[in-house]
Structure formats: C-alpha cells, structure tokens
C-alpha atoms as a PDB file:
ATOM      1  CA  MET A   1     -35.943  96.841  19.887  1.00  0.00           C
ATOM      2  CA  GLU A   2     -34.768  95.482  16.541  1.00  0.00           C
ATOM      3  CA  ASP A   3     -31.994  97.161  14.578  1.00  0.00           C
ATOM      4  CA  ILE A   4     -33.010  99.284  11.614  1.00  0.00           C
ATOM      5  CA  GLU A   5     -31.241  98.049   8.478  1.00  0.00           C
ATOM      6  CA  ASP A   6     -30.734  99.524   5.030  1.00  0.00           C
ATOM      7  CA  ILE A   7     -32.828  97.747   2.417  1.00  0.00           C
ATOM      8  CA  PRO A   8     -30.746  97.012  -0.705  1.00  0.00           C
ATOM      9  CA  ASP A   9     -32.089  97.992  -4.127  1.00  0.00           C
ATOM     10  CA  LEU A  10     -31.991  94.368  -5.301  1.00  0.00           C
ATOM     11  CA  HIS A  11     -34.438  93.228  -2.610  1.00  0.00           C
ATOM     12  CA  CYS A  12     -38.219  93.272  -2.797  1.00  0.00           C
ATOM     13  CA  VAL A  13     -41.088  94.159  -0.495  1.00  0.00           C
ATOM     14  CA  TYR A  14     -44.582  92.697  -0.209  1.00  0.00           C
ATOM     15  CA  VAL A  15     -47.711  94.841   0.044  1.00  0.00           C
ATOM     16  CA  ARG A  16     -51.013  93.411   1.210  1.00  0.00           C
ATOM     17  CA  VAL A  17     -53.930  94.147  -1.123  1.00  0.00           C
ATOM     18  CA  HIS A  18     -57.463  93.635   0.196  1.00  0.00           C
ATOM     19  CA  LEU A  19     -59.850  91.988  -2.264  1.00  0.00           C
ATOM     20  CA  ASN A  20     -61.928  95.207  -2.331  1.00  0.00           C
ATOM     21  CA  PHE A  21     -58.930  96.972  -3.900  1.00  0.00           C
ATOM     22  CA  VAL A  22     -58.574  94.622  -6.887  1.00  0.00           C
ATOM     23  CA  SER A  23     -60.048  95.834 -10.176  1.00  0.00           C
ATOM     24  CA  SER A  24     -62.751  93.590 -11.619  1.00  0.00           C
ATOM     25  CA  LYS A  25     -61.700  94.762 -15.104  1.00  0.00           C
ATOM     26  CA  ASP A  26     -58.071  93.592 -15.120  1.00  0.00           C
ATOM     27  CA  SER A  27     -57.578  91.752 -11.777  1.00  0.00           C
ATOM     28  CA  LYS A  28     -54.812  94.224 -10.881  1.00  0.00           C
ATOM     29  CA  PRO A  29     -54.639  96.412  -7.766  1.00  0.00           C
ATOM     30  CA  LYS A  30     -56.493  99.711  -7.868  1.00  0.00           C
ATOM     31  CA  ALA A  31     -54.494 102.849  -7.020  1.00  0.00           C
ATOM     32  CA  THR A  32     -56.300 102.921  -3.645  1.00  0.00           C
ATOM     33  CA  ALA A  33     -54.565  99.644  -2.745  1.00  0.00           C
ATOM     34  CA  PHE A  34     -51.366 101.662  -2.414  1.00  0.00           C
ATOM     35  CA  SER A  35     -52.668 104.417  -0.154  1.00  0.00           C
ATOM     36  CA  ASN A  36     -50.693 105.482   2.874  1.00  0.00           C
ATOM     37  CA  THR A  37     -51.672 103.659   6.067  1.00  0.00           C
ATOM     38  CA  PRO A  38     -53.129 105.322   7.988  1.00  0.00           C
ATOM     39  CA  LYS A  39     -54.670 107.530   5.293  1.00  0.00           C
ATOM     40  CA  ASP A  40     -53.326 110.697   6.929  1.00  0.00           C
ATOM     41  CA  GLY A  41     -49.858 109.180   7.275  1.00  0.00           C
ATOM     42  CA  ASP A  42     -46.907 109.471   4.914  1.00  0.00           C
ATOM     43  CA  ASN A  43     -46.142 105.802   4.331  1.00  0.00           C
ATOM     44  CA  LEU A  44     -47.489 102.425   3.270  1.00  0.00           C
ATOM     45  CA  SER A  45     -46.720  99.296   5.266  1.00  0.00           C
ATOM     46  CA  CYS A  46     -44.969  96.392   3.579  1.00  0.00           C
ATOM     47  CA  ASP A  47     -42.804  93.396   4.480  1.00  0.00           C
ATOM     48  CA  TRP A  48     -39.148  93.053   3.460  1.00  0.00           C
ATOM     49  CA  CYS A  49     -38.167  89.835   1.676  1.00  0.00           C
ATOM     50  CA  LYS A  50     -35.072  89.429   3.886  1.00  0.00           C
ATOM     51  CA  TYR A  51     -37.307  88.459   6.806  1.00  0.00           C
ATOM     52  CA  SER A  52     -40.547  87.468   5.091  1.00  0.00           C
ATOM     53  CA  SER A  53     -42.037  85.618   2.159  1.00  0.00           C
ATOM     54  CA  ALA A  54     -45.242  86.460   0.357  1.00  0.00           C
ATOM     55  CA  GLU A  55     -46.901  83.554   2.166  1.00  0.00           C
ATOM     56  CA  SER A  56     -45.726  84.579   5.639  1.00  0.00           C
ATOM     57  CA  SER A  57     -46.722  88.190   4.957  1.00  0.00           C
ATOM     58  CA  ARG A  58     -50.238  87.048   4.082  1.00  0.00           C
ATOM     59  CA  LYS A  59     -50.403  84.674   7.047  1.00  0.00           C
ATOM     60  CA  LEU A  60     -49.459  87.484   9.449  1.00  0.00           C
ATOM     61  CA  ILE A  61     -52.670  89.305   8.514  1.00  0.00           C
ATOM     62  CA  GLY A  62     -54.640  86.572  10.280  1.00  0.00           C
ATOM     63  CA  SER A  63     -52.974  87.469  13.588  1.00  0.00           C
ATOM     64  CA  GLN A  64     -54.057  91.104  13.371  1.00  0.00           C
ATOM     65  CA  LYS A  65     -57.231  92.188  15.070  1.00  0.00           C
ATOM     66  CA  LYS A  66     -59.872  94.516  13.727  1.00  0.00           C
ATOM     67  CA  LYS A  67     -61.208  97.345  15.894  1.00  0.00           C
ATOM     68  CA  ASP A  68     -64.103  95.096  16.946  1.00  0.00           C
ATOM     69  CA  GLY A  69     -61.634  92.558  18.387  1.00  0.00           C
ATOM     70  CA  SER A  70     -62.147  89.866  15.752  1.00  0.00           C
ATOM     71  CA  PHE A  71     -59.225  88.632  13.697  1.00  0.00           C
ATOM     72  CA  LYS A  72     -58.724  89.653  10.073  1.00  0.00           C
ATOM     73  CA  ASP A  73     -59.247  86.938   7.454  1.00  0.00           C
ATOM     74  CA  SER A  74     -55.970  86.483   5.572  1.00  0.00           C
ATOM     75  CA  SER A  75     -57.829  84.926   2.625  1.00  0.00           C
ATOM     76  CA  ASP A  76     -59.319  88.384   1.959  1.00  0.00           C
ATOM     77  CA  PHE A  77     -55.840  89.650   1.027  1.00  0.00           C
ATOM     78  CA  TYR A  78     -53.453  89.126  -1.871  1.00  0.00           C
ATOM     79  CA  ILE A  79     -49.783  90.080  -2.041  1.00  0.00           C
ATOM     80  CA  TRP A  80     -48.236  92.516  -4.541  1.00  0.00           C
ATOM     81  CA  LYS A  81     -44.447  92.396  -4.886  1.00  0.00           C
ATOM     82  CA  PHE A  82     -42.198  95.388  -5.659  1.00  0.00           C
ATOM     83  CA  ASN A  83     -38.495  95.576  -6.411  1.00  0.00           C
ATOM     84  CA  VAL A  84     -37.072  98.238  -4.078  1.00  0.00           C
ATOM     85  CA  ALA A  85     -34.907  99.955  -6.740  1.00  0.00           C
ATOM     86  CA  LYS A  86     -37.889 100.300  -9.054  1.00  0.00           C
ATOM     87  CA  LEU A  87     -39.920 101.976  -6.301  1.00  0.00           C
ATOM     88  CA  ARG A  88     -37.047 104.385  -5.696  1.00  0.00           C
ATOM     89  CA  ILE A  89     -36.371 105.130  -9.369  1.00  0.00           C
ATOM     90  CA  ASP A  90     -39.352 104.246 -11.584  1.00  0.00           C
ATOM     91  CA  ALA A  91     -42.450 104.980  -9.488  1.00  0.00           C
ATOM     92  CA  VAL A  92     -44.263 108.209 -10.395  1.00  0.00           C
ATOM     93  CA  PRO A  93     -43.955 109.923  -7.977  1.00  0.00           C
ATOM     94  CA  LYS A  94     -40.782 108.263  -6.654  1.00  0.00           C
ATOM     95  CA  GLN A  95     -41.014 106.394  -3.363  1.00  0.00           C
ATOM     96  CA  ASN A  96     -38.461 105.506  -0.716  1.00  0.00           C
ATOM     97  CA  VAL A  97     -38.333 102.247   1.236  1.00  0.00           C
ATOM     98  CA  LYS A  98     -37.127 101.937   4.823  1.00  0.00           C
ATOM     99  CA  HIS A  99     -36.960  99.124   7.340  1.00  0.00           C
ATOM    100  CA  ASP A 100     -39.366  99.780  10.232  1.00  0.00           C
ATOM    101  CA  PRO A 101     -39.617  96.641  12.412  1.00  0.00           C
ATOM    102  CA  VAL A 102     -42.590  96.388  14.762  1.00  0.00           C
ATOM    103  CA  CYS A 103     -41.529  95.218  18.213  1.00  0.00           C
ATOM    104  CA  ASN A 104     -44.125  95.863  20.887  1.00  0.00           C
ATOM    105  CA  THR A 105     -43.067  95.308  24.478  1.00  0.00           C
ATOM    106  CA  PRO A 106     -45.427  94.294  25.904  1.00  0.00           C
ATOM    107  CA  PRO A 107     -47.058  92.810  22.798  1.00  0.00           C
ATOM    108  CA  ASP A 108     -49.974  94.787  21.341  1.00  0.00           C
ATOM    109  CA  GLU A 109     -53.060  92.631  20.756  1.00  0.00           C
ATOM    110  CA  PHE A 110     -53.958  94.562  17.591  1.00  0.00           C
ATOM    111  CA  ILE A 111     -50.476  94.791  16.022  1.00  0.00           C
ATOM    112  CA  PRO A 112     -48.316  91.651  16.045  1.00  0.00           C
ATOM    113  CA  ASN A 113     -44.531  91.931  16.204  1.00  0.00           C
ATOM    114  CA  ASN A 114     -43.003  91.880  12.731  1.00  0.00           C
ATOM    115  CA  ILE A 115     -39.239  92.163  12.105  1.00  0.00           C
ATOM    116  CA  ALA A 116     -39.897  92.313   8.323  1.00  0.00           C
ATOM    117  CA  HIS A 117     -42.143  95.383   8.617  1.00  0.00           C
ATOM    118  CA  SER A 118     -40.988  98.193   6.382  1.00  0.00           C
ATOM    119  CA  ILE A 119     -42.512 101.339   4.940  1.00  0.00           C
ATOM    120  CA  ILE A 120     -42.865 102.824   1.478  1.00  0.00           C
ATOM    121  CA  ILE A 121     -42.571 106.574   1.903  1.00  0.00           C
ATOM    122  CA  GLY A 122     -43.836 109.171  -0.548  1.00  0.00           C
ATOM    123  CA  ASP A 123     -46.873 110.880  -2.012  1.00  0.00           C
ATOM    124  CA  LYS A 124     -49.441 108.360  -3.257  1.00  0.00           C
ATOM    125  CA  PRO A 125     -52.149 110.021  -5.356  1.00  0.00           C
ATOM    126  CA  ILE A 126     -55.375 108.067  -4.773  1.00  0.00           C
ATOM    127  CA  ASN A 127     -57.273 108.484  -8.047  1.00  0.00           C
ATOM    128  CA  ASN A 128     -54.330 108.957 -10.359  1.00  0.00           C
ATOM    129  CA  ALA A 129     -54.000 106.765 -13.459  1.00  0.00           C
ATOM    130  CA  GLU A 130     -50.297 107.609 -13.995  1.00  0.00           C
ATOM    131  CA  PHE A 131     -49.465 106.531 -10.425  1.00  0.00           C
ATOM    132  CA  ARG A 132     -51.382 103.249 -10.777  1.00  0.00           C
ATOM    133  CA  ILE A 133     -49.812 102.474 -14.154  1.00  0.00           C
ATOM    134  CA  SER A 134     -46.293 103.130 -12.855  1.00  0.00           C
ATOM    135  CA  LEU A 135     -46.874 100.774  -9.901  1.00  0.00           C
ATOM    136  CA  LEU A 136     -48.385  98.077 -12.101  1.00  0.00           C
ATOM    137  CA  LYS A 137     -45.368  98.273 -14.423  1.00  0.00           C
ATOM    138  CA  ILE A 138     -42.847  97.855 -11.608  1.00  0.00           C
ATOM    139  CA  GLY A 139     -44.705  95.268  -9.539  1.00  0.00           C
ATOM    140  CA  GLN A 140     -46.373  91.910  -9.880  1.00  0.00           C
ATOM    141  CA  TRP A 141     -48.578  89.534  -7.967  1.00  0.00           C
ATOM    142  CA  ALA A 142     -46.744  87.278  -5.533  1.00  0.00           C
ATOM    143  CA  ILE A 143     -50.107  85.856  -4.437  1.00  0.00           C
ATOM    144  CA  ALA A 144     -52.758  86.645  -7.041  1.00  0.00           C
ATOM    145  CA  PRO A 145     -56.554  86.669  -6.825  1.00  0.00           C
END
C-alpha cells in the first residue's frame, strides 16, 4: 500500500472530463462534469500533479475497462486542471483535496493502479450555475477539446 501524503496548496490536480460533459455553447465543462464518482459517493476522482501530468492522466483512462469489458477511449476525455488552494478556498461550496492512491493487490482489471489518484471531497450541486461558475473561474483546460 502506498503512503497517503498531504497535498500542498500550491499543487494542482487533474480531473477527467468526458466529451459529453463539455458545453457546446462555451466549450467549458458542464457542472455535471464535476459530479461525485460514484454519484452516491462524497468525492470526485482526480490525479495529483506530483505523480501525474495532464497527458499521463488522460492516457490512464485507456487502461480502464468499462462494465462490458472493453477499454475506455482516452480520446473521449479532456483534462481540467485545478489549483488545490483555490478548490479549498474559492470553490462554492468549498472542497477539500486528499491523496488517495489506488493500489490493488492483486491488480483489478477494471481499475488500474494509480499512485497519483486523489479525491476532491465536498458537496457538488449538479445543476447549479454558481457552482459551475466558481469552478470555471478557478480552473482551466490542461487538455482542451
């Protein structure tokens, strides 16, 4: 098992955004792109920049399997980048960020090991304009559509 580390405020995290969650009006993520995963959970998966880049975060998607056993297509995803301090201070509602490495022994065929895996914890209103605007203000595309 990997050690859990504190994520400094100056670091960033990368969130995968599926092409279906990009607005056709402004090419920015919809609020639904930042839903908790799973939906009934209390956190959103992301990758910490200490152990990942936007490119490696996107590439990792291609090693994940869907429920039908086929692999996900990484080209269907873009990467949104957040500064950790801004998530903790400026998001409405505020979010917390914690390191949560994935280390499956034995390996899980649906969830690849990922030392960079982290979680964004907090309430994420789905159809809330204020929430979406606050996240758009504090984030930016690392890999844009």
